[in-house]
C-alpha cells in the first residue's frame, strides 16, 4: 500500500466558555498533517489506516479525510 502525507483543515470544537474577543482572536479551524497507508481514494474522501493485518487483510486505526478540506496529498512511497 502507498504511504501518504495529507495536509488538511478540520473543524474545531471546545466545550469551555470563551468570551467573544478571546474567541475572535484564538479560535478557528485546525490545520493538520496526517500520515498513513492509503486504503482507498473515494470521490469525497481519502481513507487511511495506521495498521494492516497482512494475513487477514484487515485494517486498524482508520480515518476518512474529507476532500473538501484537503490542502495537499504527498505520496511518500510507490504502491506495493
PDB file of N, CA and C in Angstrom:
ATOM      1  N   UNK A   1       0.837  -1.192   0.000  1.00  0.00           N
ATOM      2  CA  UNK A   1       0.000   0.000   0.000  1.00  0.00           C
ATOM      3  C   UNK A   1       0.878   1.251   0.000  1.00  0.00           C
ATOM      4  N   UNK A   2       0.333   2.311  -0.509  1.00  0.00           N
ATOM      5  CA  UNK A   2       1.061   3.569  -0.563  1.00  0.00           C
ATOM      6  C   UNK A   2       0.978   4.290   0.783  1.00  0.00           C
ATOM      7  N   UNK A   3       2.065   4.919   1.167  1.00  0.00           N
ATOM      8  CA  UNK A   3       2.080   5.773   2.351  1.00  0.00           C
ATOM      9  C   UNK A   3       1.910   7.205   1.867  1.00  0.00           C
ATOM     10  N   UNK A   4       0.976   7.929   2.486  1.00  0.00           N
ATOM     11  CA  UNK A   4       0.708   9.308   2.077  1.00  0.00           C
ATOM     12  C   UNK A   4       0.766  10.243   3.281  1.00  0.00           C
ATOM     13  N   UNK A   5       1.082  11.487   2.986  1.00  0.00           N
ATOM     14  CA  UNK A   5       1.029  12.563   3.963  1.00  0.00           C
ATOM     15  C   UNK A   5      -0.029  13.547   3.472  1.00  0.00           C
ATOM     16  N   UNK A   6      -1.092  13.704   4.231  1.00  0.00           N
ATOM     17  CA  UNK A   6      -2.201  14.567   3.823  1.00  0.00           C
ATOM     18  C   UNK A   6      -2.237  15.788   4.737  1.00  0.00           C
ATOM     19  N   UNK A   7      -2.194  16.964   4.136  1.00  0.00           N
ATOM     20  CA  UNK A   7      -2.356  18.217   4.868  1.00  0.00           C
ATOM     21  C   UNK A   7      -3.792  18.671   4.639  1.00  0.00           C
ATOM     22  N   UNK A   8      -4.499  18.942   5.751  1.00  0.00           N
ATOM     23  CA  UNK A   8      -5.921  19.244   5.609  1.00  0.00           C
ATOM     24  C   UNK A   8      -6.410  20.134   6.738  1.00  0.00           C
ATOM     25  N   UNK A   9      -7.584  20.693   6.543  1.00  0.00           N
ATOM     26  CA  UNK A   9      -8.212  21.575   7.528  1.00  0.00           C
ATOM     27  C   UNK A   9      -9.386  20.837   8.143  1.00  0.00           C
ATOM     28  N   UNK A  10      -9.465  20.873   9.467  1.00  0.00           N
ATOM     29  CA  UNK A  10     -10.535  20.184  10.185  1.00  0.00           C
ATOM     30  C   UNK A  10     -11.314  21.188  11.026  1.00  0.00           C
ATOM     31  N   UNK A  11     -12.497  20.790  11.398  1.00  0.00           N
ATOM     32  CA  UNK A  11     -13.309  21.590  12.314  1.00  0.00           C
ATOM     33  C   UNK A  11     -12.686  21.572  13.700  1.00  0.00           C
ATOM     34  N   UNK A  12     -13.023  22.546  14.513  1.00  0.00           N
ATOM     35  CA  UNK A  12     -12.542  22.600  15.885  1.00  0.00           C
ATOM     36  C   UNK A  12     -13.741  22.642  16.821  1.00  0.00           C
ATOM     37  N   UNK A  13     -13.568  22.057  17.991  1.00  0.00           N
ATOM     38  CA  UNK A  13     -14.612  22.072  18.997  1.00  0.00           C
ATOM     39  C   UNK A  13     -13.965  22.252  20.359  1.00  0.00           C
ATOM     40  N   UNK A  14     -14.557  23.103  21.182  1.00  0.00           N
ATOM     41  CA  UNK A  14     -14.072  23.294  22.536  1.00  0.00           C
ATOM     42  C   UNK A  14     -15.278  23.544  23.425  1.00  0.00           C
ATOM     43  N   UNK A  15     -15.429  22.766  24.468  1.00  0.00           N
ATOM     44  CA  UNK A  15     -16.584  22.870  25.357  1.00  0.00           C
ATOM     45  C   UNK A  15     -16.435  23.913  26.442  1.00  0.00           C
ATOM     46  N   UNK A  16     -15.298  24.599  26.494  1.00  0.00           N
ATOM     47  CA  UNK A  16     -15.072  25.621  27.518  1.00  0.00           C
ATOM     48  C   UNK A  16     -15.814  26.903  27.175  1.00  0.00           C
ATOM     49  N   UNK A  17     -15.907  27.781  28.152  1.00  0.00           N
ATOM     50  CA  UNK A  17     -16.501  29.104  27.938  1.00  0.00           C
ATOM     51  C   UNK A  17     -15.434  30.071  27.441  1.00  0.00           C
ATOM     52  N   UNK A  18     -15.736  30.790  26.383  1.00  0.00           N
ATOM     53  CA  UNK A  18     -14.840  31.791  25.823  1.00  0.00           C
ATOM     54  C   UNK A  18     -15.602  33.101  25.725  1.00  0.00           C
ATOM     55  N   UNK A  19     -14.961  34.230  26.057  1.00  0.00           N
ATOM     56  CA  UNK A  19     -15.627  35.499  25.776  1.00  0.00           C
ATOM     57  C   UNK A  19     -15.443  35.802  24.290  1.00  0.00           C
ATOM     58  N   UNK A  20     -16.245  36.721  23.775  1.00  0.00           N
ATOM     59  CA  UNK A  20     -16.282  36.956  22.338  1.00  0.00           C
ATOM     60  C   UNK A  20     -14.928  37.389  21.786  1.00  0.00           C
ATOM     61  N   UNK A  21     -14.233  38.318  22.455  1.00  0.00           N
ATOM     62  CA  UNK A  21     -12.944  38.808  21.953  1.00  0.00           C
ATOM     63  C   UNK A  21     -11.906  37.685  21.941  1.00  0.00           C
ATOM     64  N   UNK A  22     -11.864  36.873  23.007  1.00  0.00           N
ATOM     65  CA  UNK A  22     -10.937  35.751  23.066  1.00  0.00           C
ATOM     66  C   UNK A  22     -11.219  34.758  21.936  1.00  0.00           C
ATOM     67  N   UNK A  23     -12.491  34.503  21.681  1.00  0.00           N
ATOM     68  CA  UNK A  23     -12.882  33.585  20.618  1.00  0.00           C
ATOM     69  C   UNK A  23     -12.476  34.137  19.251  1.00  0.00           C
ATOM     70  N   UNK A  24     -12.682  35.419  19.037  1.00  0.00           N
ATOM     71  CA  UNK A  24     -12.320  36.031  17.753  1.00  0.00           C
ATOM     72  C   UNK A  24     -10.831  35.908  17.458  1.00  0.00           C
ATOM     73  N   UNK A  25     -10.010  36.057  18.481  1.00  0.00           N
ATOM     74  CA  UNK A  25      -8.562  36.087  18.290  1.00  0.00           C
ATOM     75  C   UNK A  25      -7.884  34.722  18.358  1.00  0.00           C
ATOM     76  N   UNK A  26      -8.529  33.734  18.973  1.00  0.00           N
ATOM     77  CA  UNK A  26      -7.818  32.492  19.274  1.00  0.00           C
ATOM     78  C   UNK A  26      -8.494  31.195  18.844  1.00  0.00           C
ATOM     79  N   UNK A  27      -9.669  31.264  18.265  1.00  0.00           N
ATOM     80  CA  UNK A  27     -10.380  30.022  17.976  1.00  0.00           C
ATOM     81  C   UNK A  27     -10.763  29.951  16.508  1.00  0.00           C
ATOM     82  N   UNK A  28     -10.496  28.813  15.878  1.00  0.00           N
ATOM     83  CA  UNK A  28     -10.856  28.637  14.474  1.00  0.00           C
ATOM     84  C   UNK A  28     -10.541  27.236  14.016  1.00  0.00           C
ATOM     85  N   UNK A  29     -10.519  27.058  12.731  1.00  0.00           N
ATOM     86  CA  UNK A  29     -10.235  25.758  12.148  1.00  0.00           C
ATOM     87  C   UNK A  29      -8.825  25.299  12.498  1.00  0.00           C
ATOM     88  N   UNK A  30      -8.586  23.992  12.393  1.00  0.00           N
ATOM     89  CA  UNK A  30      -7.303  23.400  12.754  1.00  0.00           C
ATOM     90  C   UNK A  30      -6.608  22.894  11.487  1.00  0.00           C
ATOM     91  N   UNK A  31      -5.343  23.262  11.304  1.00  0.00           N
ATOM     92  CA  UNK A  31      -4.538  22.747  10.193  1.00  0.00           C
ATOM     93  C   UNK A  31      -3.816  21.500  10.669  1.00  0.00           C
ATOM     94  N   UNK A  32      -4.031  20.392   9.979  1.00  0.00           N
ATOM     95  CA  UNK A  32      -3.470  19.109  10.393  1.00  0.00           C
ATOM     96  C   UNK A  32      -2.646  18.477   9.282  1.00  0.00           C
ATOM     97  N   UNK A  33      -1.742  17.588   9.702  1.00  0.00           N
ATOM     98  CA  UNK A  33      -0.982  16.756   8.775  1.00  0.00           C
ATOM     99  C   UNK A  33      -1.141  15.327   9.273  1.00  0.00           C
ATOM    100  N   UNK A  34      -1.660  14.442   8.422  1.00  0.00           N
ATOM    101  CA  UNK A  34      -1.886  13.046   8.772  1.00  0.00           C
ATOM    102  C   UNK A  34      -1.076  12.164   7.837  1.00  0.00           C
ATOM    103  N   UNK A  35      -0.363  11.179   8.408  1.00  0.00           N
ATOM    104  CA  UNK A  35       0.429  10.243   7.624  1.00  0.00           C
ATOM    105  C   UNK A  35      -0.126   8.842   7.860  1.00  0.00           C
ATOM    106  N   UNK A  36      -0.351   8.091   6.788  1.00  0.00           N
ATOM    107  CA  UNK A  36      -0.857   6.731   6.937  1.00  0.00           C
ATOM    108  C   UNK A  36      -0.834   5.981   5.622  1.00  0.00           C
ATOM    109  N   UNK A  37      -1.310   4.746   5.692  1.00  0.00           N
ATOM    110  CA  UNK A  37      -1.438   3.917   4.494  1.00  0.00           C
ATOM    111  C   UNK A  37      -2.728   4.292   3.780  1.00  0.00           C
ATOM    112  N   UNK A  38      -2.648   4.519   2.481  1.00  0.00           N
ATOM    113  CA  UNK A  38      -3.837   4.851   1.699  1.00  0.00           C
ATOM    114  C   UNK A  38      -4.593   3.569   1.382  1.00  0.00           C
ATOM    115  N   UNK A  39      -5.741   3.401   2.032  1.00  0.00           N
ATOM    116  CA  UNK A  39      -6.586   2.227   1.809  1.00  0.00           C
ATOM    117  C   UNK A  39      -7.399   2.416   0.537  1.00  0.00           C
ATOM    118  N   UNK A  40      -7.961   3.627   0.386  1.00  0.00           N
ATOM    119  CA  UNK A  40      -8.837   3.880  -0.756  1.00  0.00           C
ATOM    120  C   UNK A  40      -9.006   5.366  -0.967  1.00  0.00           C
ATOM    121  N   UNK A  41      -9.046   5.769  -2.241  1.00  0.00           N
ATOM    122  CA  UNK A  41      -9.439   7.130  -2.577  1.00  0.00           C
ATOM    123  C   UNK A  41     -10.854   7.065  -3.125  1.00  0.00           C
ATOM    124  N   UNK A  42     -11.755   7.781  -2.478  1.00  0.00           N
ATOM    125  CA  UNK A  42     -13.155   7.853  -2.916  1.00  0.00           C
ATOM    126  C   UNK A  42     -13.406   9.224  -3.525  1.00  0.00           C
ATOM    127  N   UNK A  43     -14.579   9.429  -4.085  1.00  0.00           N
ATOM    128  CA  UNK A  43     -14.884  10.719  -4.699  1.00  0.00           C
ATOM    129  C   UNK A  43     -14.931  11.840  -3.663  1.00  0.00           C
ATOM    130  N   UNK A  44     -15.291  11.506  -2.415  1.00  0.00           N
ATOM    131  CA  UNK A  44     -15.442  12.539  -1.390  1.00  0.00           C
ATOM    132  C   UNK A  44     -14.373  12.532  -0.304  1.00  0.00           C
ATOM    133  N   UNK A  45     -13.531  11.491  -0.262  1.00  0.00           N
ATOM    134  CA  UNK A  45     -12.554  11.408   0.825  1.00  0.00           C
ATOM    135  C   UNK A  45     -11.406  10.471   0.495  1.00  0.00           C
ATOM    136  N   UNK A  46     -10.370  10.570   1.323  1.00  0.00           N
ATOM    137  CA  UNK A  46      -9.269   9.607   1.332  1.00  0.00           C
ATOM    138  C   UNK A  46      -9.441   8.765   2.590  1.00  0.00           C
ATOM    139  N   UNK A  47      -9.346   7.450   2.462  1.00  0.00           N
ATOM    140  CA  UNK A  47      -9.429   6.556   3.617  1.00  0.00           C
ATOM    141  C   UNK A  47      -8.015   6.072   3.915  1.00  0.00           C
ATOM    142  N   UNK A  48      -7.545   6.356   5.139  1.00  0.00           N
ATOM    143  CA  UNK A  48      -6.204   5.977   5.572  1.00  0.00           C
ATOM    144  C   UNK A  48      -6.294   5.059   6.779  1.00  0.00           C
ATOM    145  N   UNK A  49      -5.264   4.256   6.981  1.00  0.00           N
ATOM    146  CA  UNK A  49      -5.159   3.452   8.197  1.00  0.00           C
ATOM    147  C   UNK A  49      -3.715   3.508   8.678  1.00  0.00           C
ATOM    148  N   UNK A  50      -3.529   3.172   9.947  1.00  0.00           N
ATOM    149  CA  UNK A  50      -2.180   3.132  10.509  1.00  0.00           C
ATOM    150  C   UNK A  50      -1.601   1.727  10.495  1.00  0.00           C
ATOM    151  N   UNK A  51      -2.482   0.720  10.505  1.00  0.00           N
ATOM    152  CA  UNK A  51      -2.009  -0.659  10.555  1.00  0.00           C
ATOM    153  C   UNK A  51      -2.840  -1.552   9.651  1.00  0.00           C
ATOM    154  N   UNK A  52      -2.156  -2.527   9.038  1.00  0.00           N
ATOM    155  CA  UNK A  52      -2.823  -3.547   8.227  1.00  0.00           C
ATOM    156  C   UNK A  52      -2.410  -4.915   8.749  1.00  0.00           C
ATOM    157  N   UNK A  53      -3.393  -5.777   9.029  1.00  0.00           N
ATOM    158  CA  UNK A  53      -3.105  -7.173   9.363  1.00  0.00           C
ATOM    159  C   UNK A  53      -2.922  -7.887   8.031  1.00  0.00           C
ATOM    160  N   UNK A  54      -1.682  -8.141   7.685  1.00  0.00           N
ATOM    161  CA  UNK A  54      -1.343  -8.656   6.356  1.00  0.00           C
ATOM    162  C   UNK A  54      -2.006  -9.997   6.069  1.00  0.00           C
ATOM    163  N   UNK A  55      -2.012 -10.901   7.042  1.00  0.00           N
ATOM    164  CA  UNK A  55      -2.580 -12.228   6.831  1.00  0.00           C
ATOM    165  C   UNK A  55      -4.081 -12.208   6.604  1.00  0.00           C
ATOM    166  N   UNK A  56      -4.774 -11.277   7.258  1.00  0.00           N
ATOM    167  CA  UNK A  56      -6.238 -11.237   7.165  1.00  0.00           C
ATOM    168  C   UNK A  56      -6.754 -10.123   6.272  1.00  0.00           C
ATOM    169  N   UNK A  57      -5.866  -9.223   5.813  1.00  0.00           N
ATOM    170  CA  UNK A  57      -6.273  -8.052   5.027  1.00  0.00           C
ATOM    171  C   UNK A  57      -7.343  -7.240   5.766  1.00  0.00           C
ATOM    172  N   UNK A  58      -7.101  -7.016   7.069  1.00  0.00           N
ATOM    173  CA  UNK A  58      -7.966  -6.142   7.856  1.00  0.00           C
ATOM    174  C   UNK A  58      -7.141  -4.929   8.286  1.00  0.00           C
ATOM    175  N   UNK A  59      -7.824  -3.868   8.673  1.00  0.00           N
ATOM    176  CA  UNK A  59      -7.164  -2.600   8.972  1.00  0.00           C
ATOM    177  C   UNK A  59      -7.562  -2.104  10.354  1.00  0.00           C
ATOM    178  N   UNK A  60      -6.635  -1.357  10.986  1.00  0.00           N
ATOM    179  CA  UNK A  60      -6.918  -0.750  12.282  1.00  0.00           C
ATOM    180  C   UNK A  60      -6.559   0.730  12.235  1.00  0.00           C
ATOM    181  N   UNK A  61      -7.174   1.480  13.132  1.00  0.00           N
ATOM    182  CA  UNK A  61      -6.928   2.926  13.240  1.00  0.00           C
ATOM    183  C   UNK A  61      -7.210   3.596  11.890  1.00  0.00           C
ATOM    184  N   UNK A  62      -8.462   3.536  11.477  1.00  0.00           N
ATOM    185  CA  UNK A  62      -8.903   4.010  10.165  1.00  0.00           C
ATOM    186  C   UNK A  62      -9.464   5.423  10.290  1.00  0.00           C
ATOM    187  N   UNK A  63      -9.189   6.259   9.317  1.00  0.00           N
ATOM    188  CA  UNK A  63      -9.808   7.589   9.284  1.00  0.00           C
ATOM    189  C   UNK A  63     -10.174   7.932   7.842  1.00  0.00           C
ATOM    190  N   UNK A  64     -11.232   8.698   7.703  1.00  0.00           N
ATOM    191  CA  UNK A  64     -11.669   9.210   6.402  1.00  0.00           C
ATOM    192  C   UNK A  64     -11.473  10.723   6.427  1.00  0.00           C
ATOM    193  N   UNK A  65     -10.655  11.223   5.524  1.00  0.00           N
ATOM    194  CA  UNK A  65     -10.366  12.651   5.450  1.00  0.00           C
ATOM    195  C   UNK A  65     -11.153  13.254   4.297  1.00  0.00           C
ATOM    196  N   UNK A  66     -12.056  14.205   4.582  1.00  0.00           N
ATOM    197  CA  UNK A  66     -12.901  14.762   3.523  1.00  0.00           C
ATOM    198  C   UNK A  66     -12.092  15.585   2.524  1.00  0.00           C
ATOM    199  N   UNK A  67     -12.329  15.346   1.245  1.00  0.00           N
ATOM    200  CA  UNK A  67     -11.604  16.073   0.204  1.00  0.00           C
ATOM    201  C   UNK A  67     -11.883  17.576   0.237  1.00  0.00           C
ATOM    202  N   UNK A  68     -13.006  17.977   0.799  1.00  0.00           N
ATOM    203  CA  UNK A  68     -13.335  19.408   0.861  1.00  0.00           C
ATOM    204  C   UNK A  68     -12.335  20.188   1.709  1.00  0.00           C
ATOM    205  N   UNK A  69     -11.626  19.512   2.632  1.00  0.00           N
ATOM    206  CA  UNK A  69     -10.652  20.195   3.475  1.00  0.00           C
ATOM    207  C   UNK A  69      -9.207  19.922   3.113  1.00  0.00           C
ATOM    208  N   UNK A  70      -8.975  19.139   2.066  1.00  0.00           N
ATOM    209  CA  UNK A  70      -7.615  18.737   1.700  1.00  0.00           C
ATOM    210  C   UNK A  70      -6.858  19.910   1.079  1.00  0.00           C
ATOM    211  N   UNK A  71      -5.656  20.153   1.592  1.00  0.00           N
ATOM    212  CA  UNK A  71      -4.776  21.163   1.015  1.00  0.00           C
ATOM    213  C   UNK A  71      -3.723  20.523   0.116  1.00  0.00           C
ATOM    214  N   UNK A  72      -3.199  19.349   0.520  1.00  0.00           N
ATOM    215  CA  UNK A  72      -2.218  18.659  -0.319  1.00  0.00           C
ATOM    216  C   UNK A  72      -2.147  17.186   0.063  1.00  0.00           C
ATOM    217  N   UNK A  73      -1.760  16.361  -0.906  1.00  0.00           N
ATOM    218  CA  UNK A  73      -1.517  14.944  -0.697  1.00  0.00           C
ATOM    219  C   UNK A  73      -0.143  14.647  -1.272  1.00  0.00           C
ATOM    220  N   UNK A  74       0.744  14.137  -0.412  1.00  0.00           N
ATOM    221  CA  UNK A  74       2.105  13.820  -0.818  1.00  0.00           C
ATOM    222  C   UNK A  74       2.290  12.306  -0.716  1.00  0.00           C
ATOM    223  N   UNK A  75       2.621  11.669  -1.833  1.00  0.00           N
ATOM    224  CA  UNK A  75       2.848  10.219  -1.842  1.00  0.00           C
ATOM    225  C   UNK A  75       4.287   9.955  -1.413  1.00  0.00           C
ATOM    226  N   UNK A  76       4.451   9.243  -0.299  1.00  0.00           N
ATOM    227  CA  UNK A  76       5.771   9.001   0.265  1.00  0.00           C
ATOM    228  C   UNK A  76       6.405   7.715  -0.235  1.00  0.00           C
ATOM    229  N   UNK A  77       5.583   6.781  -0.727  1.00  0.00           N
ATOM    230  CA  UNK A  77       6.087   5.536  -1.310  1.00  0.00           C
ATOM    231  C   UNK A  77       5.272   5.210  -2.533  1.00  0.00           C
ATOM    232  N   UNK A  78       5.833   4.405  -3.410  1.00  0.00           N
ATOM    233  CA  UNK A  78       5.053   3.905  -4.538  1.00  0.00           C
ATOM    234  C   UNK A  78       4.238   2.719  -4.067  1.00  0.00           C
ATOM    235  N   UNK A  79       3.188   2.385  -4.770  1.00  0.00           N
ATOM    236  CA  UNK A  79       2.320   1.280  -4.382  1.00  0.00           C
ATOM    237  C   UNK A  79       3.075  -0.036  -4.320  1.00  0.00           C
ATOM    238  N   UNK A  80       2.563  -0.937  -3.468  1.00  0.00           N
ATOM    239  CA  UNK A  80       3.245  -2.212  -3.355  1.00  0.00           C
ATOM    240  C   UNK A  80       2.401  -3.239  -2.662  1.00  0.00           C
TER     241      UNK A  80
END
